[in-house]
Amino acid sequence: MMKKKWVQLNMKEQIKISTMLRERYINFIVENKRKPSKDERRVIAGNVYLEIQEVGCEVSDNEICKYFESKVSKYDKSIEKMDLY
């Protein structure tokens, strides 16, 4: 089966994946009192990829990584407002 690009996912799938990435990013910061490194961000994205594969969402891990990296600065701005670390 062909893997979908991010824009080909339906809105429900995009929201689910986006929420999972954001929650895991914030959880990492809360648990470690620091932002994740690039390698640690790849692990976060990889774990989300594995989870969504289990529920049958066909998107490539590269698409998830690209989306996640594009959102990190937005996540950081919202986290700074929350004063988590």
PDB file of N, CA and C in Angstrom:
ATOM      1  N   MET A   1       0.853  -1.195   0.000  1.00  0.00           N
ATOM      2  CA  MET A   1       0.000   0.000   0.000  1.00  0.00           C
ATOM      3  C   MET A   1       0.889   1.245   0.000  1.00  0.00           C
ATOM      4  N   MET A   2       0.449   2.227  -0.728  1.00  0.00           N
ATOM      5  CA  MET A   2       1.199   3.479  -0.848  1.00  0.00           C
ATOM      6  C   MET A   2       1.012   4.332   0.416  1.00  0.00           C
ATOM      7  N   LYS A   3       2.113   4.853   0.912  1.00  0.00           N
ATOM      8  CA  LYS A   3       2.053   5.735   2.089  1.00  0.00           C
ATOM      9  C   LYS A   3       1.578   7.112   1.641  1.00  0.00           C
ATOM     10  N   LYS A   4       0.769   7.748   2.463  1.00  0.00           N
ATOM     11  CA  LYS A   4       0.238   9.073   2.146  1.00  0.00           C
ATOM     12  C   LYS A   4       1.204  10.163   2.581  1.00  0.00           C
ATOM     13  N   LYS A   5       1.105  11.297   1.907  1.00  0.00           N
ATOM     14  CA  LYS A   5       1.802  12.496   2.350  1.00  0.00           C
ATOM     15  C   LYS A   5       0.923  13.147   3.414  1.00  0.00           C
ATOM     16  N   TRP A   6       1.503  14.073   4.204  1.00  0.00           N
ATOM     17  CA  TRP A   6       0.760  14.732   5.279  1.00  0.00           C
ATOM     18  C   TRP A   6      -0.531  15.358   4.759  1.00  0.00           C
ATOM     19  N   VAL A   7      -0.447  16.058   3.633  1.00  0.00           N
ATOM     20  CA  VAL A   7      -1.620  16.780   3.106  1.00  0.00           C
ATOM     21  C   VAL A   7      -2.712  15.834   2.619  1.00  0.00           C
ATOM     22  N   GLN A   8      -2.383  14.570   2.389  1.00  0.00           N
ATOM     23  CA  GLN A   8      -3.380  13.603   1.934  1.00  0.00           C
ATOM     24  C   GLN A   8      -4.149  12.962   3.086  1.00  0.00           C
ATOM     25  N   LEU A   9      -3.676  13.162   4.300  1.00  0.00           N
ATOM     26  CA  LEU A   9      -4.391  12.626   5.456  1.00  0.00           C
ATOM     27  C   LEU A   9      -5.674  13.411   5.671  1.00  0.00           C
ATOM     28  N   ASN A  10      -6.695  12.746   6.196  1.00  0.00           N
ATOM     29  CA  ASN A  10      -7.902  13.509   6.498  1.00  0.00           C
ATOM     30  C   ASN A  10      -7.669  14.322   7.781  1.00  0.00           C
ATOM     31  N   MET A  11      -8.508  15.283   8.009  1.00  0.00           N
ATOM     32  CA  MET A  11      -8.335  16.211   9.127  1.00  0.00           C
ATOM     33  C   MET A  11      -8.271  15.478  10.465  1.00  0.00           C
ATOM     34  N   LYS A  12      -9.097  14.476  10.636  1.00  0.00           N
ATOM     35  CA  LYS A  12      -9.121  13.710  11.891  1.00  0.00           C
ATOM     36  C   LYS A  12      -7.758  13.051  12.140  1.00  0.00           C
ATOM     37  N   GLU A  13      -7.165  12.477  11.086  1.00  0.00           N
ATOM     38  CA  GLU A  13      -5.852  11.842  11.221  1.00  0.00           C
ATOM     39  C   GLU A  13      -4.769  12.879  11.536  1.00  0.00           C
ATOM     40  N   GLN A  14      -4.824  14.017  10.851  1.00  0.00           N
ATOM     41  CA  GLN A  14      -3.842  15.074  11.098  1.00  0.00           C
ATOM     42  C   GLN A  14      -3.919  15.572  12.533  1.00  0.00           C
ATOM     43  N   ILE A  15      -5.120  15.781  13.027  1.00  0.00           N
ATOM     44  CA  ILE A  15      -5.298  16.271  14.399  1.00  0.00           C
ATOM     45  C   ILE A  15      -4.785  15.241  15.403  1.00  0.00           C
ATOM     46  N   LYS A  16      -5.098  13.972  15.176  1.00  0.00           N
ATOM     47  CA  LYS A  16      -4.650  12.909  16.085  1.00  0.00           C
ATOM     48  C   LYS A  16      -3.122  12.874  16.155  1.00  0.00           C
ATOM     49  N   ILE A  17      -2.470  12.868  15.001  1.00  0.00           N
ATOM     50  CA  ILE A  17      -1.010  12.794  14.956  1.00  0.00           C
ATOM     51  C   ILE A  17      -0.395  14.051  15.560  1.00  0.00           C
ATOM     52  N   SER A  18      -0.924  15.195  15.197  1.00  0.00           N
ATOM     53  CA  SER A  18      -0.426  16.466  15.709  1.00  0.00           C
ATOM     54  C   SER A  18      -0.520  16.529  17.226  1.00  0.00           C
ATOM     55  N   THR A  19      -1.627  16.086  17.774  1.00  0.00           N
ATOM     56  CA  THR A  19      -1.843  16.080  19.224  1.00  0.00           C
ATOM     57  C   THR A  19      -0.866  15.132  19.911  1.00  0.00           C
ATOM     58  N   MET A  20      -0.663  13.961  19.312  1.00  0.00           N
ATOM     59  CA  MET A  20       0.269  12.986  19.897  1.00  0.00           C
ATOM     60  C   MET A  20       1.688  13.554  19.940  1.00  0.00           C
ATOM     61  N   LEU A  21       2.112  14.187  18.850  1.00  0.00           N
ATOM     62  CA  LEU A  21       3.464  14.760  18.794  1.00  0.00           C
ATOM     63  C   LEU A  21       3.632  15.851  19.844  1.00  0.00           C
ATOM     64  N   ARG A  22       2.656  16.739  19.927  1.00  0.00           N
ATOM     65  CA  ARG A  22       2.741  17.857  20.864  1.00  0.00           C
ATOM     66  C   ARG A  22       2.773  17.363  22.312  1.00  0.00           C
ATOM     67  N   GLU A  23       1.895  16.405  22.631  1.00  0.00           N
ATOM     68  CA  GLU A  23       1.841  15.871  23.997  1.00  0.00           C
ATOM     69  C   GLU A  23       3.159  15.204  24.380  1.00  0.00           C
ATOM     70  N   ARG A  24       3.726  14.438  23.473  1.00  0.00           N
ATOM     71  CA  ARG A  24       4.984  13.751  23.778  1.00  0.00           C
ATOM     72  C   ARG A  24       6.141  14.725  23.907  1.00  0.00           C
ATOM     73  N   TYR A  25       6.128  15.771  23.112  1.00  0.00           N
ATOM     74  CA  TYR A  25       7.168  16.802  23.196  1.00  0.00           C
ATOM     75  C   TYR A  25       7.099  17.495  24.564  1.00  0.00           C
ATOM     76  N   ILE A  26       5.908  17.888  24.949  1.00  0.00           N
ATOM     77  CA  ILE A  26       5.726  18.556  26.246  1.00  0.00           C
ATOM     78  C   ILE A  26       6.067  17.600  27.384  1.00  0.00           C
ATOM     79  N   ASN A  27       5.639  16.349  27.293  1.00  0.00           N
ATOM     80  CA  ASN A  27       5.961  15.370  28.336  1.00  0.00           C
ATOM     81  C   ASN A  27       7.463  15.198  28.487  1.00  0.00           C
ATOM     82  N   PHE A  28       8.181  15.175  27.370  1.00  0.00           N
ATOM     83  CA  PHE A  28       9.635  15.049  27.433  1.00  0.00           C
ATOM     84  C   PHE A  28      10.227  16.204  28.225  1.00  0.00           C
ATOM     85  N   ILE A  29       9.770  17.407  27.941  1.00  0.00           N
ATOM     86  CA  ILE A  29      10.293  18.594  28.619  1.00  0.00           C
ATOM     87  C   ILE A  29       9.957  18.567  30.109  1.00  0.00           C
ATOM     88  N   VAL A  30       8.747  18.179  30.446  1.00  0.00           N
ATOM     89  CA  VAL A  30       8.349  18.106  31.851  1.00  0.00           C
ATOM     90  C   VAL A  30       9.199  17.076  32.591  1.00  0.00           C
ATOM     91  N   GLU A  31       9.410  15.924  31.978  1.00  0.00           N
ATOM     92  CA  GLU A  31      10.162  14.847  32.642  1.00  0.00           C
ATOM     93  C   GLU A  31      11.653  15.134  32.729  1.00  0.00           C
ATOM     94  N   ASN A  32      12.220  15.801  31.716  1.00  0.00           N
ATOM     95  CA  ASN A  32      13.668  15.989  31.640  1.00  0.00           C
ATOM     96  C   ASN A  32      14.142  17.408  31.949  1.00  0.00           C
ATOM     97  N   LYS A  33      13.197  18.327  32.122  1.00  0.00           N
ATOM     98  CA  LYS A  33      13.519  19.729  32.425  1.00  0.00           C
ATOM     99  C   LYS A  33      14.421  20.369  31.358  1.00  0.00           C
ATOM    100  N   ARG A  34      14.260  19.918  30.128  1.00  0.00           N
ATOM    101  CA  ARG A  34      14.998  20.488  29.001  1.00  0.00           C
ATOM    102  C   ARG A  34      14.311  20.082  27.701  1.00  0.00           C
ATOM    103  N   LYS A  35      14.669  20.783  26.619  1.00  0.00           N
ATOM    104  CA  LYS A  35      14.137  20.435  25.311  1.00  0.00           C
ATOM    105  C   LYS A  35      14.863  19.204  24.775  1.00  0.00           C
ATOM    106  N   PRO A  36      14.173  18.400  23.979  1.00  0.00           N
ATOM    107  CA  PRO A  36      14.833  17.235  23.392  1.00  0.00           C
ATOM    108  C   PRO A  36      15.820  17.646  22.293  1.00  0.00           C
ATOM    109  N   SER A  37      16.883  16.866  22.148  1.00  0.00           N
ATOM    110  CA  SER A  37      17.839  17.074  21.066  1.00  0.00           C
ATOM    111  C   SER A  37      17.189  16.643  19.749  1.00  0.00           C
ATOM    112  N   LYS A  38      17.861  16.901  18.645  1.00  0.00           N
ATOM    113  CA  LYS A  38      17.337  16.484  17.346  1.00  0.00           C
ATOM    114  C   LYS A  38      17.127  14.971  17.306  1.00  0.00           C
ATOM    115  N   ASP A  39      18.087  14.208  17.828  1.00  0.00           N
ATOM    116  CA  ASP A  39      17.941  12.748  17.855  1.00  0.00           C
ATOM    117  C   ASP A  39      16.764  12.325  18.734  1.00  0.00           C
ATOM    118  N   GLU A  40      16.595  12.998  19.862  1.00  0.00           N
ATOM    119  CA  GLU A  40      15.474  12.676  20.752  1.00  0.00           C
ATOM    120  C   GLU A  40      14.142  13.045  20.098  1.00  0.00           C
ATOM    121  N   ARG A  41      14.128  14.111  19.309  1.00  0.00           N
ATOM    122  CA  ARG A  41      12.901  14.466  18.576  1.00  0.00           C
ATOM    123  C   ARG A  41      12.573  13.399  17.532  1.00  0.00           C
ATOM    124  N   ARG A  42      13.604  12.824  16.915  1.00  0.00           N
ATOM    125  CA  ARG A  42      13.374  11.742  15.942  1.00  0.00           C
ATOM    126  C   ARG A  42      12.781  10.509  16.645  1.00  0.00           C
ATOM    127  N   VAL A  43      13.219  10.249  17.863  1.00  0.00           N
ATOM    128  CA  VAL A  43      12.669   9.124  18.631  1.00  0.00           C
ATOM    129  C   VAL A  43      11.192   9.392  18.947  1.00  0.00           C
ATOM    130  N   ILE A  44      10.873  10.614  19.358  1.00  0.00           N
ATOM    131  CA  ILE A  44       9.477  10.981  19.636  1.00  0.00           C
ATOM    132  C   ILE A  44       8.628  10.762  18.384  1.00  0.00           C
ATOM    133  N   ALA A  45       9.088  11.282  17.253  1.00  0.00           N
ATOM    134  CA  ALA A  45       8.350  11.134  15.992  1.00  0.00           C
ATOM    135  C   ALA A  45       8.241   9.658  15.602  1.00  0.00           C
ATOM    136  N   GLY A  46       9.326   8.901  15.798  1.00  0.00           N
ATOM    137  CA  GLY A  46       9.311   7.472  15.472  1.00  0.00           C
ATOM    138  C   GLY A  46       8.318   6.695  16.311  1.00  0.00           C
ATOM    139  N   ASN A  47       8.233   7.034  17.596  1.00  0.00           N
ATOM    140  CA  ASN A  47       7.267   6.365  18.473  1.00  0.00           C
ATOM    141  C   ASN A  47       5.832   6.668  18.065  1.00  0.00           C
ATOM    142  N   VAL A  48       5.579   7.929  17.691  1.00  0.00           N
ATOM    143  CA  VAL A  48       4.239   8.295  17.214  1.00  0.00           C
ATOM    144  C   VAL A  48       3.939   7.540  15.918  1.00  0.00           C
ATOM    145  N   TYR A  49       4.927   7.459  15.030  1.00  0.00           N
ATOM    146  CA  TYR A  49       4.755   6.717  13.772  1.00  0.00           C
ATOM    147  C   TYR A  49       4.347   5.270  14.051  1.00  0.00           C
ATOM    148  N   LEU A  50       5.045   4.615  14.970  1.00  0.00           N
ATOM    149  CA  LEU A  50       4.720   3.221  15.296  1.00  0.00           C
ATOM    150  C   LEU A  50       3.304   3.090  15.844  1.00  0.00           C
ATOM    151  N   GLU A  51       2.911   4.028  16.689  1.00  0.00           N
ATOM    152  CA  GLU A  51       1.552   3.996  17.261  1.00  0.00           C
ATOM    153  C   GLU A  51       0.484   4.151  16.193  1.00  0.00           C
ATOM    154  N   ILE A  52       0.700   5.080  15.255  1.00  0.00           N
ATOM    155  CA  ILE A  52      -0.344   5.300  14.243  1.00  0.00           C
ATOM    156  C   ILE A  52      -0.375   4.165  13.222  1.00  0.00           C
ATOM    157  N   GLN A  53       0.756   3.486  13.031  1.00  0.00           N
ATOM    158  CA  GLN A  53       0.761   2.310  12.154  1.00  0.00           C
ATOM    159  C   GLN A  53      -0.133   1.220  12.733  1.00  0.00           C
ATOM    160  N   GLU A  54      -0.138   1.100  14.050  1.00  0.00           N
ATOM    161  CA  GLU A  54      -0.955   0.080  14.714  1.00  0.00           C
ATOM    162  C   GLU A  54      -2.443   0.288  14.481  1.00  0.00           C
ATOM    163  N   VAL A  55      -2.858   1.538  14.297  1.00  0.00           N
ATOM    164  CA  VAL A  55      -4.279   1.815  14.067  1.00  0.00           C
ATOM    165  C   VAL A  55      -4.600   1.952  12.580  1.00  0.00           C
ATOM    166  N   GLY A  56      -3.613   1.640  11.727  1.00  0.00           N
ATOM    167  CA  GLY A  56      -3.872   1.583  10.295  1.00  0.00           C
ATOM    168  C   GLY A  56      -3.771   2.891   9.539  1.00  0.00           C
ATOM    169  N   CYS A  57      -3.157   3.886  10.120  1.00  0.00           N
ATOM    170  CA  CYS A  57      -2.973   5.163   9.428  1.00  0.00           C
ATOM    171  C   CYS A  57      -1.730   5.049   8.550  1.00  0.00           C
ATOM    172  N   GLU A  58      -1.890   5.172   7.252  1.00  0.00           N
ATOM    173  CA  GLU A  58      -0.787   4.977   6.308  1.00  0.00           C
ATOM    174  C   GLU A  58      -0.137   6.306   5.934  1.00  0.00           C
ATOM    175  N   VAL A  59       0.879   6.689   6.686  1.00  0.00           N
ATOM    176  CA  VAL A  59       1.658   7.883   6.381  1.00  0.00           C
ATOM    177  C   VAL A  59       3.116   7.520   6.634  1.00  0.00           C
ATOM    178  N   SER A  60       4.029   8.118   5.884  1.00  0.00           N
ATOM    179  CA  SER A  60       5.439   7.750   6.052  1.00  0.00           C
ATOM    180  C   SER A  60       6.034   8.388   7.301  1.00  0.00           C
ATOM    181  N   ASP A  61       7.036   7.717   7.846  1.00  0.00           N
ATOM    182  CA  ASP A  61       7.712   8.273   9.020  1.00  0.00           C
ATOM    183  C   ASP A  61       8.400   9.588   8.670  1.00  0.00           C
ATOM    184  N   ASN A  62       8.874   9.727   7.432  1.00  0.00           N
ATOM    185  CA  ASN A  62       9.509  10.968   7.004  1.00  0.00           C
ATOM    186  C   ASN A  62       8.520  12.136   7.031  1.00  0.00           C
ATOM    187  N   GLU A  63       7.291  11.887   6.638  1.00  0.00           N
ATOM    188  CA  GLU A  63       6.268  12.936   6.658  1.00  0.00           C
ATOM    189  C   GLU A  63       5.998  13.399   8.090  1.00  0.00           C
ATOM    190  N   ILE A  64       5.951  12.461   9.009  1.00  0.00           N
ATOM    191  CA  ILE A  64       5.723  12.799  10.414  1.00  0.00           C
ATOM    192  C   ILE A  64       6.900  13.613  10.953  1.00  0.00           C
ATOM    193  N   CYS A  65       8.115  13.186  10.632  1.00  0.00           N
ATOM    194  CA  CYS A  65       9.305  13.921  11.086  1.00  0.00           C
ATOM    195  C   CYS A  65       9.321  15.340  10.537  1.00  0.00           C
ATOM    196  N   LYS A  66       9.030  15.484   9.244  1.00  0.00           N
ATOM    197  CA  LYS A  66       9.023  16.824   8.632  1.00  0.00           C
ATOM    198  C   LYS A  66       7.977  17.720   9.292  1.00  0.00           C
ATOM    199  N   TYR A  67       6.781  17.175   9.503  1.00  0.00           N
ATOM    200  CA  TYR A  67       5.721  17.952  10.149  1.00  0.00           C
ATOM    201  C   TYR A  67       6.142  18.349  11.560  1.00  0.00           C
ATOM    202  N   PHE A  68       6.644  17.384  12.323  1.00  0.00           N
ATOM    203  CA  PHE A  68       7.055  17.614  13.706  1.00  0.00           C
ATOM    204  C   PHE A  68       8.117  18.704  13.780  1.00  0.00           C
ATOM    205  N   GLU A  69       9.156  18.606  12.947  1.00  0.00           N
ATOM    206  CA  GLU A  69      10.223  19.604  12.961  1.00  0.00           C
ATOM    207  C   GLU A  69       9.684  20.992  12.604  1.00  0.00           C
ATOM    208  N   SER A  70       8.677  21.046  11.744  1.00  0.00           N
ATOM    209  CA  SER A  70       8.105  22.343  11.367  1.00  0.00           C
ATOM    210  C   SER A  70       7.321  22.984  12.510  1.00  0.00           C
ATOM    211  N   LYS A  71       6.922  22.193  13.497  1.00  0.00           N
ATOM    212  CA  LYS A  71       6.097  22.691  14.605  1.00  0.00           C
ATOM    213  C   LYS A  71       6.877  22.935  15.894  1.00  0.00           C
ATOM    214  N   VAL A  72       8.120  22.480  15.974  1.00  0.00           N
ATOM    215  CA  VAL A  72       8.881  22.563  17.220  1.00  0.00           C
ATOM    216  C   VAL A  72       8.975  23.992  17.742  1.00  0.00           C
ATOM    217  N   SER A  73       9.254  24.973  16.883  1.00  0.00           N
ATOM    218  CA  SER A  73       9.382  26.351  17.384  1.00  0.00           C
ATOM    219  C   SER A  73       8.046  26.863  17.923  1.00  0.00           C
ATOM    220  N   LYS A  74       6.939  26.442  17.316  1.00  0.00           N
ATOM    221  CA  LYS A  74       5.611  26.817  17.824  1.00  0.00           C
ATOM    222  C   LYS A  74       5.363  26.172  19.185  1.00  0.00           C
ATOM    223  N   TYR A  75       5.736  24.903  19.322  1.00  0.00           N
ATOM    224  CA  TYR A  75       5.603  24.217  20.607  1.00  0.00           C
ATOM    225  C   TYR A  75       6.430  24.940  21.664  1.00  0.00           C
ATOM    226  N   ASP A  76       7.672  25.300  21.292  1.00  0.00           N
ATOM    227  CA  ASP A  76       8.564  25.970  22.237  1.00  0.00           C
ATOM    228  C   ASP A  76       7.964  27.282  22.737  1.00  0.00           C
ATOM    229  N   LYS A  77       7.360  28.051  21.845  1.00  0.00           N
ATOM    230  CA  LYS A  77       6.756  29.328  22.243  1.00  0.00           C
ATOM    231  C   LYS A  77       5.611  29.100  23.233  1.00  0.00           C
ATOM    232  N   SER A  78       4.791  28.100  22.980  1.00  0.00           N
ATOM    233  CA  SER A  78       3.674  27.854  23.904  1.00  0.00           C
ATOM    234  C   SER A  78       4.179  27.300  25.231  1.00  0.00           C
ATOM    235  N   ILE A  79       5.254  26.522  25.194  1.00  0.00           N
ATOM    236  CA  ILE A  79       5.831  25.964  26.420  1.00  0.00           C
ATOM    237  C   ILE A  79       6.469  27.069  27.267  1.00  0.00           C
ATOM    238  N   GLU A  80       7.131  28.007  26.616  1.00  0.00           N
ATOM    239  CA  GLU A  80       7.736  29.125  27.356  1.00  0.00           C
ATOM    240  C   GLU A  80       6.676  29.899  28.126  1.00  0.00           C
ATOM    241  N   LYS A  81       5.507  30.033  27.547  1.00  0.00           N
ATOM    242  CA  LYS A  81       4.413  30.725  28.235  1.00  0.00           C
ATOM    243  C   LYS A  81       3.941  29.936  29.455  1.00  0.00           C
ATOM    244  N   MET A  82       4.066  28.612  29.386  1.00  0.00           N
ATOM    245  CA  MET A  82       3.637  27.761  30.504  1.00  0.00           C
ATOM    246  C   MET A  82       4.701  27.666  31.586  1.00  0.00           C
ATOM    247  N   ASP A  83       5.921  28.065  31.270  1.00  0.00           N
ATOM    248  CA  ASP A  83       7.031  28.063  32.222  1.00  0.00           C
ATOM    249  C   ASP A  83       7.257  26.654  32.807  1.00  0.00           C
ATOM    250  N   LEU A  84       7.455  25.687  31.913  1.00  0.00           N
ATOM    251  CA  LEU A  84       7.615  24.297  32.348  1.00  0.00           C
ATOM    252  C   LEU A  84       9.029  23.924  32.741  1.00  0.00           C
ATOM    253  N   TYR A  85      10.015  24.714  32.343  1.00  0.00           N
ATOM    254  CA  TYR A  85      11.403  24.363  32.689  1.00  0.00           C
ATOM    255  C   TYR A  85      12.233  25.583  32.903  1.00  0.00           C
TER     256      TYR A  85
END
